[in-house]
Amino acid sequence: MSRMFQLLGAGILALAVAHSVTGTLEKYDASANSIVVKTAKGDETLSLGSATSIRMGATRMTPADLNGHTGQRVKVRYSEDNGKQVAQTVQFEGGGAKTARAETPAKTPAAKK
């Protein structure tokens, strides 16, 4: 037990504290591997790591898929690493993607004779 306190005191053992931000996905920057989320407090830039999970409902997505979803609401859980916000999960709000349904005309009741 005292060894753990020594490690904490030496700064060797750090506990990751998870944070979250909710807003609108403004931009995905492939070259920087980061996203910009517009919140009520302003824009937040978060890095995407190799272990970042991106989902829309139960559907897994890749970072390349993000460009097609700018303007949608997201919740991002992230940790801070040396002052850098690194996303752990990016979850699009509202569940799965909307799919187009064919409109079927409403049936009209038969005229009475």
Protein backbone atom coordinates (compact mmCIF):
# COMPACT_ATOMS: atom_id res chain seq x y z
CA MET A 1 0.00 0.00 0.00
CA SER A 2 2.77 2.44 0.83
CA ARG A 3 4.40 1.63 -2.54
CA MET A 4 1.28 2.91 -4.31
CA PHE A 5 1.48 6.20 -2.40
CA GLN A 6 5.15 6.49 -3.32
CA LEU A 7 4.27 6.01 -6.97
CA LEU A 8 1.47 8.56 -6.74
CA GLY A 9 3.75 11.03 -5.01
CA ALA A 10 6.42 10.56 -7.67
CA GLY A 11 3.86 11.17 -10.40
CA ILE A 12 4.49 7.75 -11.95
CA LEU A 13 1.00 6.40 -11.42
CA ALA A 14 -1.67 8.72 -12.81
CA LEU A 15 -5.37 8.10 -12.67
CA ALA A 16 -7.24 8.99 -15.85
CA VAL A 17 -10.23 11.19 -15.13
CA ALA A 18 -12.96 10.98 -17.75
CA HIS A 19 -14.67 14.16 -18.91
CA SER A 20 -17.43 14.68 -21.45
CA VAL A 21 -18.59 17.36 -23.83
CA THR A 22 -21.85 17.54 -25.78
CA GLY A 23 -22.43 19.65 -28.84
CA THR A 24 -22.48 19.74 -32.64
CA LEU A 25 -19.77 18.09 -34.72
CA GLU A 26 -18.31 21.03 -36.64
CA LYS A 27 -15.30 19.48 -38.35
CA TYR A 28 -13.11 16.40 -38.72
CA ASP A 29 -9.47 17.12 -39.53
CA ALA A 30 -7.91 13.97 -41.01
CA SER A 31 -4.37 15.38 -41.08
CA ALA A 32 -4.46 16.23 -37.37
CA ASN A 33 -6.74 13.27 -36.53
CA SER A 34 -8.98 15.55 -34.50
CA ILE A 35 -12.55 16.81 -34.30
CA VAL A 36 -14.05 20.16 -33.41
CA VAL A 37 -17.25 20.11 -31.33
CA LYS A 38 -19.26 23.33 -31.00
CA THR A 39 -20.68 23.67 -27.49
CA ALA A 40 -22.58 26.37 -25.65
CA LYS A 41 -19.23 27.46 -24.16
CA GLY A 42 -17.41 27.57 -27.51
CA ASP A 43 -15.46 25.22 -29.77
CA GLU A 44 -13.63 22.22 -28.30
CA THR A 45 -10.88 20.48 -30.27
CA LEU A 46 -10.34 16.84 -29.33
CA SER A 47 -7.77 14.39 -30.67
CA LEU A 48 -8.81 10.93 -31.86
CA GLY A 49 -6.64 8.10 -30.62
CA SER A 50 -6.19 4.62 -32.04
CA ALA A 51 -8.54 3.30 -29.34
CA THR A 52 -11.27 5.93 -29.85
CA SER A 53 -14.68 4.30 -30.31
CA ILE A 54 -17.02 6.11 -32.72
CA ARG A 55 -20.68 5.00 -32.77
CA MET A 56 -24.08 5.95 -34.09
CA GLY A 57 -26.46 3.79 -32.11
CA ALA A 58 -25.07 0.25 -32.33
CA THR A 59 -23.22 1.00 -35.58
CA ARG A 60 -19.45 1.36 -35.37
CA MET A 61 -17.92 4.10 -37.48
CA THR A 62 -14.41 5.06 -38.59
CA PRO A 63 -12.90 8.54 -38.38
CA ALA A 64 -13.30 8.85 -42.17
CA ASP A 65 -17.09 8.52 -41.67
CA LEU A 66 -17.16 11.71 -39.58
CA ASN A 67 -17.03 14.08 -42.56
CA GLY A 68 -20.49 12.93 -43.62
CA HIS A 69 -21.95 13.72 -40.20
CA THR A 70 -20.94 17.32 -39.53
CA GLY A 71 -23.77 19.32 -38.03
CA GLN A 72 -25.07 16.40 -35.98
CA ARG A 73 -25.18 16.27 -32.17
CA VAL A 74 -22.48 14.24 -30.43
CA LYS A 75 -21.39 13.37 -26.94
CA VAL A 76 -17.65 12.88 -26.56
CA ARG A 77 -16.05 11.28 -23.52
CA TYR A 78 -12.39 12.17 -23.25
CA SER A 79 -9.38 12.16 -20.97
CA GLU A 80 -6.62 14.72 -20.71
CA ASP A 81 -3.08 13.63 -21.53
CA ASN A 82 -0.38 16.28 -21.04
CA GLY A 83 -2.94 19.05 -21.56
CA LYS A 84 -4.35 17.42 -24.71
CA GLN A 85 -7.99 16.25 -24.84
CA VAL A 86 -8.03 12.71 -26.24
CA ALA A 87 -11.45 11.27 -27.16
CA GLN A 88 -12.28 7.85 -25.74
CA THR A 89 -15.76 7.64 -27.26
CA VAL A 90 -17.69 9.68 -29.80
CA GLN A 91 -21.41 8.89 -29.66
CA PHE A 92 -23.86 10.47 -32.08
CA GLU A 93 -27.10 11.39 -30.35
CA GLY A 94 -30.41 10.11 -31.60
CA GLY A 95 -29.41 6.47 -32.12
CA GLY A 96 -28.97 4.91 -35.52
CA ALA A 97 -28.83 6.64 -38.85
CA LYS A 98 -32.10 7.70 -40.38
CA THR A 99 -33.08 5.62 -43.34
CA ALA A 100 -35.35 6.73 -46.13
CA ARG A 101 -38.66 4.91 -46.20
CA ALA A 102 -40.83 4.58 -49.25
CA GLU A 103 -44.06 6.41 -48.74
CA THR A 104 -47.09 4.19 -49.16
CA PRO A 105 -50.34 5.89 -50.06
CA ALA A 106 -53.01 5.74 -47.41
CA LYS A 107 -55.89 3.43 -48.22
CA THR A 108 -59.18 5.16 -48.71
CA PRO A 109 -62.28 3.44 -47.49
CA ALA A 110 -64.50 1.95 -50.18
CA ALA A 111 -67.53 4.03 -51.09
CA LYS A 112 -70.83 2.74 -49.73
CA LYS A 113 -73.40 1.66 -52.31
